[in-house]
Amino acid sequence: ITLKQRLNKMVNIPKERKTYCKGKKCGKHQLHKITQYKAGKASNFAQGKRRYDSKQMGFGGQTKPVFHKKAKTTRKIVLRLECKKCKTKKQLVIKRTKHFELGEKKKEAGHQY
């Protein structure tokens, strides 16, 4: 199986899984709820944003490089696991893929009536 074929495959992950929880209450395998990680809204008061805005002020056009050479066609998927018992959260990175879904039913192979 080539890299290209692996990246084009649909990745399907169950909505919950049993895995190790390192919370203070648990410290053993527990059931975790799985969601996909999504970055939060960027703050206007973060140091980098304040510096960038201050540099952009006044005359002189665009002061920092704007990225145009996008090469990747896939993203690394980050899962957010939340322990159902103690609510401790942890993140888990899985391989690169184009298509990703949580808890979809598998299509049955063979003939369907």
N, C-alpha and C. Protein backbone atom coordinates (compact mmCIF):
# COMPACT_ATOMS: atom_id res chain seq x y z
N ILE A 1 0.86 -1.19 0.00
CA ILE A 1 0.00 0.00 0.00
C ILE A 1 0.90 1.25 0.00
N THR A 2 0.69 2.13 -0.96
CA THR A 2 1.54 3.31 -1.06
C THR A 2 1.04 4.39 -0.11
N LEU A 3 1.89 5.41 0.07
CA LEU A 3 1.53 6.52 0.95
C LEU A 3 0.29 7.23 0.42
N LYS A 4 0.23 7.42 -0.89
CA LYS A 4 -0.90 8.12 -1.50
C LYS A 4 -2.21 7.36 -1.25
N GLN A 5 -2.17 6.03 -1.38
CA GLN A 5 -3.37 5.23 -1.15
C GLN A 5 -3.80 5.32 0.32
N ARG A 6 -2.81 5.33 1.23
CA ARG A 6 -3.14 5.38 2.64
C ARG A 6 -3.77 6.72 3.00
N LEU A 7 -3.29 7.80 2.37
CA LEU A 7 -3.82 9.13 2.69
C LEU A 7 -5.23 9.32 2.14
N ASN A 8 -5.54 8.63 1.03
CA ASN A 8 -6.87 8.80 0.44
C ASN A 8 -7.94 7.97 1.13
N LYS A 9 -7.53 7.03 1.99
CA LYS A 9 -8.49 6.18 2.69
C LYS A 9 -9.29 6.99 3.70
N MET A 10 -10.54 6.56 3.89
CA MET A 10 -11.38 7.18 4.92
C MET A 10 -10.96 6.64 6.29
N VAL A 11 -10.66 7.53 7.22
CA VAL A 11 -10.31 7.10 8.56
C VAL A 11 -11.55 7.22 9.43
N ASN A 12 -11.88 6.12 10.09
CA ASN A 12 -13.12 6.04 10.84
C ASN A 12 -12.78 5.64 12.28
N ILE A 13 -13.16 6.47 13.25
CA ILE A 13 -12.79 6.22 14.64
C ILE A 13 -14.04 6.21 15.51
N PRO A 14 -14.15 5.23 16.43
CA PRO A 14 -15.35 5.17 17.29
C PRO A 14 -15.45 6.39 18.20
N LYS A 15 -16.68 6.70 18.65
CA LYS A 15 -16.89 7.90 19.47
C LYS A 15 -16.41 7.73 20.90
N GLU A 16 -16.20 6.48 21.32
CA GLU A 16 -15.58 6.28 22.63
C GLU A 16 -14.64 5.08 22.59
N ARG A 17 -13.61 5.14 23.45
CA ARG A 17 -12.64 4.05 23.50
C ARG A 17 -12.09 3.93 24.92
N LYS A 18 -11.68 2.71 25.25
CA LYS A 18 -11.07 2.48 26.55
C LYS A 18 -9.57 2.69 26.42
N THR A 19 -9.04 3.60 27.21
CA THR A 19 -7.60 3.85 27.17
C THR A 19 -7.14 4.38 28.53
N TYR A 20 -5.82 4.47 28.71
CA TYR A 20 -5.27 4.85 30.02
C TYR A 20 -5.59 6.29 30.37
N CYS A 21 -6.04 6.51 31.59
CA CYS A 21 -6.30 7.86 32.09
C CYS A 21 -5.30 8.16 33.19
N LYS A 22 -4.53 9.25 33.02
CA LYS A 22 -3.54 9.57 34.05
C LYS A 22 -4.03 10.67 34.99
N GLY A 23 -5.34 10.78 35.12
CA GLY A 23 -5.91 11.73 36.08
C GLY A 23 -5.59 11.29 37.50
N LYS A 24 -5.70 12.22 38.45
CA LYS A 24 -5.36 11.91 39.85
C LYS A 24 -6.29 10.86 40.43
N LYS A 25 -7.58 10.89 40.01
CA LYS A 25 -8.55 9.93 40.56
C LYS A 25 -8.40 8.54 39.93
N CYS A 26 -8.05 8.49 38.65
CA CYS A 26 -8.08 7.22 37.92
C CYS A 26 -6.76 6.46 37.96
N GLY A 27 -5.84 6.80 37.05
CA GLY A 27 -4.57 6.10 36.97
C GLY A 27 -4.70 4.68 36.42
N LYS A 28 -5.73 4.44 35.63
CA LYS A 28 -5.91 3.14 35.00
C LYS A 28 -6.74 3.31 33.73
N HIS A 29 -7.00 2.22 33.01
CA HIS A 29 -7.80 2.30 31.78
C HIS A 29 -9.26 2.61 32.11
N GLN A 30 -9.79 3.62 31.43
CA GLN A 30 -11.18 4.03 31.60
C GLN A 30 -11.77 4.29 30.22
N LEU A 31 -13.09 4.47 30.19
CA LEU A 31 -13.76 4.82 28.94
C LEU A 31 -13.56 6.32 28.68
N HIS A 32 -13.15 6.68 27.46
CA HIS A 32 -12.95 8.08 27.09
C HIS A 32 -13.89 8.44 25.95
N LYS A 33 -14.41 9.67 25.99
CA LYS A 33 -15.22 10.19 24.90
C LYS A 33 -14.28 10.88 23.92
N ILE A 34 -14.44 10.62 22.62
CA ILE A 34 -13.52 11.17 21.61
C ILE A 34 -14.21 12.25 20.79
N THR A 35 -13.54 13.40 20.67
CA THR A 35 -14.00 14.45 19.76
C THR A 35 -12.79 14.90 18.96
N GLN A 36 -13.03 15.66 17.90
CA GLN A 36 -11.91 16.15 17.10
C GLN A 36 -11.48 17.51 17.64
N TYR A 37 -10.17 17.70 17.80
CA TYR A 37 -9.64 18.97 18.31
C TYR A 37 -9.85 20.07 17.28
N LYS A 38 -10.25 21.24 17.76
CA LYS A 38 -10.41 22.39 16.88
C LYS A 38 -9.75 23.57 17.58
N ALA A 39 -8.93 24.32 16.86
CA ALA A 39 -8.24 25.46 17.46
C ALA A 39 -9.25 26.53 17.85
N GLY A 40 -8.99 27.19 18.96
CA GLY A 40 -9.88 28.25 19.43
C GLY A 40 -9.69 29.52 18.62
N LYS A 41 -10.54 30.50 18.90
CA LYS A 41 -10.47 31.78 18.20
C LYS A 41 -9.20 32.51 18.64
N ALA A 42 -8.46 33.08 17.68
CA ALA A 42 -7.22 33.78 18.01
C ALA A 42 -7.54 35.07 18.77
N SER A 43 -6.77 35.31 19.82
CA SER A 43 -7.00 36.49 20.65
C SER A 43 -6.32 37.71 20.03
N ASN A 44 -6.97 38.87 20.15
CA ASN A 44 -6.38 40.11 19.65
C ASN A 44 -5.32 40.66 20.58
N PHE A 45 -5.24 40.09 21.80
CA PHE A 45 -4.33 40.64 22.79
C PHE A 45 -3.11 39.76 23.03
N ALA A 46 -2.94 38.71 22.20
CA ALA A 46 -1.73 37.89 22.31
C ALA A 46 -0.55 38.75 21.86
N GLN A 47 0.64 38.48 22.44
CA GLN A 47 1.81 39.33 22.17
C GLN A 47 2.14 39.42 20.68
N GLY A 48 2.09 38.28 19.99
CA GLY A 48 2.42 38.29 18.56
C GLY A 48 1.47 39.14 17.75
N LYS A 49 0.18 39.08 18.05
CA LYS A 49 -0.84 39.86 17.33
C LYS A 49 -0.66 41.35 17.60
N ARG A 50 -0.36 41.71 18.86
CA ARG A 50 -0.13 43.13 19.20
C ARG A 50 1.08 43.67 18.46
N ARG A 51 2.15 42.86 18.40
CA ARG A 51 3.37 43.27 17.72
C ARG A 51 3.11 43.45 16.22
N TYR A 52 2.40 42.48 15.63
CA TYR A 52 2.08 42.51 14.20
C TYR A 52 1.24 43.74 13.86
N ASP A 53 0.21 44.00 14.66
CA ASP A 53 -0.67 45.15 14.40
C ASP A 53 0.09 46.47 14.51
N SER A 54 0.97 46.52 15.50
CA SER A 54 1.75 47.74 15.70
C SER A 54 2.70 47.96 14.52
N LYS A 55 3.26 46.89 13.99
CA LYS A 55 4.19 46.98 12.85
C LYS A 55 3.45 47.37 11.57
N GLN A 56 2.21 46.91 11.44
CA GLN A 56 1.41 47.18 10.24
C GLN A 56 0.89 48.61 10.19
N MET A 57 0.83 49.29 11.34
CA MET A 57 0.25 50.64 11.39
C MET A 57 1.04 51.63 10.53
N GLY A 58 0.34 52.63 10.02
CA GLY A 58 0.99 53.70 9.25
C GLY A 58 1.26 53.29 7.82
N PHE A 59 2.20 53.95 7.18
CA PHE A 59 2.50 53.71 5.77
C PHE A 59 3.54 52.60 5.65
N GLY A 60 3.66 52.05 4.44
CA GLY A 60 4.71 51.07 4.20
C GLY A 60 4.21 49.70 3.80
N GLY A 61 2.91 49.57 3.62
CA GLY A 61 2.36 48.31 3.09
C GLY A 61 2.54 47.11 4.02
N GLN A 62 2.49 45.93 3.43
CA GLN A 62 2.61 44.67 4.18
C GLN A 62 4.05 44.51 4.68
N THR A 63 4.20 44.31 5.99
CA THR A 63 5.55 44.29 6.57
C THR A 63 6.10 42.88 6.78
N LYS A 64 5.22 41.90 6.86
CA LYS A 64 5.70 40.54 7.10
C LYS A 64 5.27 39.65 5.94
N PRO A 65 6.01 38.55 5.70
CA PRO A 65 5.67 37.70 4.56
C PRO A 65 4.30 37.03 4.70
N VAL A 66 3.56 36.97 3.59
CA VAL A 66 2.28 36.27 3.56
C VAL A 66 2.52 34.95 2.85
N PHE A 67 2.13 33.84 3.51
CA PHE A 67 2.44 32.49 3.02
C PHE A 67 1.55 32.11 1.84
N HIS A 68 2.17 31.71 0.71
CA HIS A 68 1.39 31.32 -0.47
C HIS A 68 1.69 29.91 -0.95
N LYS A 69 2.87 29.36 -0.62
CA LYS A 69 3.30 28.08 -1.20
C LYS A 69 2.76 26.88 -0.44
N LYS A 70 1.44 26.70 -0.44
CA LYS A 70 0.85 25.59 0.29
C LYS A 70 1.12 24.29 -0.46
N ALA A 71 1.75 23.32 0.23
CA ALA A 71 2.13 22.08 -0.45
C ALA A 71 1.34 20.87 0.03
N LYS A 72 0.92 20.88 1.27
CA LYS A 72 0.24 19.71 1.84
C LYS A 72 -1.22 19.65 1.39
N THR A 73 -1.69 18.41 1.16
CA THR A 73 -3.10 18.24 0.79
C THR A 73 -3.86 17.54 1.91
N THR A 74 -3.14 17.14 2.96
CA THR A 74 -3.78 16.43 4.06
C THR A 74 -3.48 17.16 5.36
N ARG A 75 -4.19 16.80 6.42
CA ARG A 75 -3.91 17.37 7.73
C ARG A 75 -3.66 16.24 8.72
N LYS A 76 -2.87 16.54 9.74
CA LYS A 76 -2.72 15.58 10.83
C LYS A 76 -3.96 15.74 11.70
N ILE A 77 -4.58 14.63 12.03
CA ILE A 77 -5.81 14.68 12.82
C ILE A 77 -5.45 14.60 14.30
N VAL A 78 -6.02 15.51 15.09
CA VAL A 78 -5.79 15.50 16.52
C VAL A 78 -7.11 15.13 17.21
N LEU A 79 -7.06 14.07 18.05
CA LEU A 79 -8.25 13.65 18.78
C LEU A 79 -8.17 14.20 20.20
N ARG A 80 -9.32 14.57 20.75
CA ARG A 80 -9.40 15.05 22.13
C ARG A 80 -10.14 13.98 22.92
N LEU A 81 -9.44 13.37 23.87
CA LEU A 81 -10.04 12.29 24.66
C LEU A 81 -10.39 12.82 26.05
N GLU A 82 -11.65 12.62 26.43
CA GLU A 82 -12.09 13.07 27.76
C GLU A 82 -12.54 11.87 28.57
N CYS A 83 -11.93 11.68 29.73
CA CYS A 83 -12.28 10.56 30.61
C CYS A 83 -13.71 10.76 31.10
N LYS A 84 -14.51 9.70 31.01
CA LYS A 84 -15.91 9.82 31.41
C LYS A 84 -16.06 9.87 32.93
N LYS A 85 -15.04 9.39 33.65
CA LYS A 85 -15.14 9.36 35.11
C LYS A 85 -14.65 10.66 35.74
N CYS A 86 -13.41 11.05 35.42
CA CYS A 86 -12.82 12.22 36.11
C CYS A 86 -12.72 13.45 35.21
N LYS A 87 -13.21 13.37 33.98
CA LYS A 87 -13.25 14.50 33.03
C LYS A 87 -11.87 15.04 32.64
N THR A 88 -10.80 14.28 32.90
CA THR A 88 -9.46 14.69 32.47
C THR A 88 -9.40 14.59 30.95
N LYS A 89 -8.77 15.60 30.32
CA LYS A 89 -8.69 15.61 28.86
C LYS A 89 -7.26 15.39 28.42
N LYS A 90 -7.09 14.65 27.31
CA LYS A 90 -5.76 14.53 26.72
C LYS A 90 -5.91 14.52 25.20
N GLN A 91 -4.81 14.81 24.50
CA GLN A 91 -4.85 14.86 23.05
C GLN A 91 -4.03 13.74 22.46
N LEU A 92 -4.47 13.25 21.30
CA LEU A 92 -3.81 12.15 20.64
C LEU A 92 -3.74 12.45 19.15
N VAL A 93 -2.52 12.46 18.59
CA VAL A 93 -2.36 12.75 17.17
C VAL A 93 -2.39 11.45 16.39
N ILE A 94 -3.20 11.40 15.32
CA ILE A 94 -3.15 10.23 14.44
C ILE A 94 -2.56 10.67 13.11
N LYS A 95 -2.34 9.71 12.20
CA LYS A 95 -1.63 10.01 10.95
C LYS A 95 -2.37 10.99 10.06
N ARG A 96 -1.67 11.46 9.05
CA ARG A 96 -2.26 12.38 8.07
C ARG A 96 -3.35 11.69 7.27
N THR A 97 -4.42 12.41 7.00
CA THR A 97 -5.47 11.86 6.15
C THR A 97 -6.32 12.99 5.58
N LYS A 98 -6.93 12.72 4.42
CA LYS A 98 -7.83 13.71 3.82
C LYS A 98 -9.21 13.61 4.43
N HIS A 99 -9.70 12.36 4.57
CA HIS A 99 -11.07 12.15 5.04
C HIS A 99 -11.05 11.52 6.42
N PHE A 100 -11.82 12.12 7.32
CA PHE A 100 -11.86 11.63 8.70
C PHE A 100 -13.28 11.74 9.22
N GLU A 101 -13.74 10.66 9.87
CA GLU A 101 -15.05 10.77 10.52
C GLU A 101 -15.07 10.02 11.84
N LEU A 102 -15.95 10.47 12.72
CA LEU A 102 -16.09 9.89 14.05
C LEU A 102 -17.33 9.02 14.09
N GLY A 103 -17.15 7.75 14.41
CA GLY A 103 -18.27 6.87 14.72
C GLY A 103 -19.29 6.63 13.64
N GLU A 104 -18.88 6.60 12.38
CA GLU A 104 -19.81 6.25 11.31
C GLU A 104 -19.89 4.73 11.22
N LYS A 105 -21.04 4.22 10.81
CA LYS A 105 -21.19 2.77 10.67
C LYS A 105 -20.43 2.30 9.43
N LYS A 106 -19.81 1.13 9.54
CA LYS A 106 -19.11 0.55 8.40
C LYS A 106 -20.13 0.00 7.42
N LYS A 107 -19.83 0.14 6.13
CA LYS A 107 -20.72 -0.43 5.12
C LYS A 107 -20.47 -1.93 5.05
N GLU A 108 -21.55 -2.72 5.12
CA GLU A 108 -21.40 -4.17 5.12
C GLU A 108 -20.92 -4.65 3.76
N ALA A 109 -19.93 -5.55 3.79
CA ALA A 109 -19.41 -6.11 2.55
C ALA A 109 -20.39 -7.17 2.04
N GLY A 110 -20.33 -7.43 0.75
CA GLY A 110 -21.17 -8.48 0.18
C GLY A 110 -22.55 -7.99 -0.21
N HIS A 111 -23.43 -8.94 -0.48
CA HIS A 111 -24.76 -8.63 -1.01
C HIS A 111 -25.70 -8.15 0.08
N GLN A 112 -26.47 -7.12 -0.24
CA GLN A 112 -27.49 -6.64 0.70
C GLN A 112 -28.87 -6.85 0.10
N TYR A 113 -29.81 -7.31 0.91
CA TYR A 113 -31.16 -7.57 0.42
C TYR A 113 -32.01 -6.32 0.44
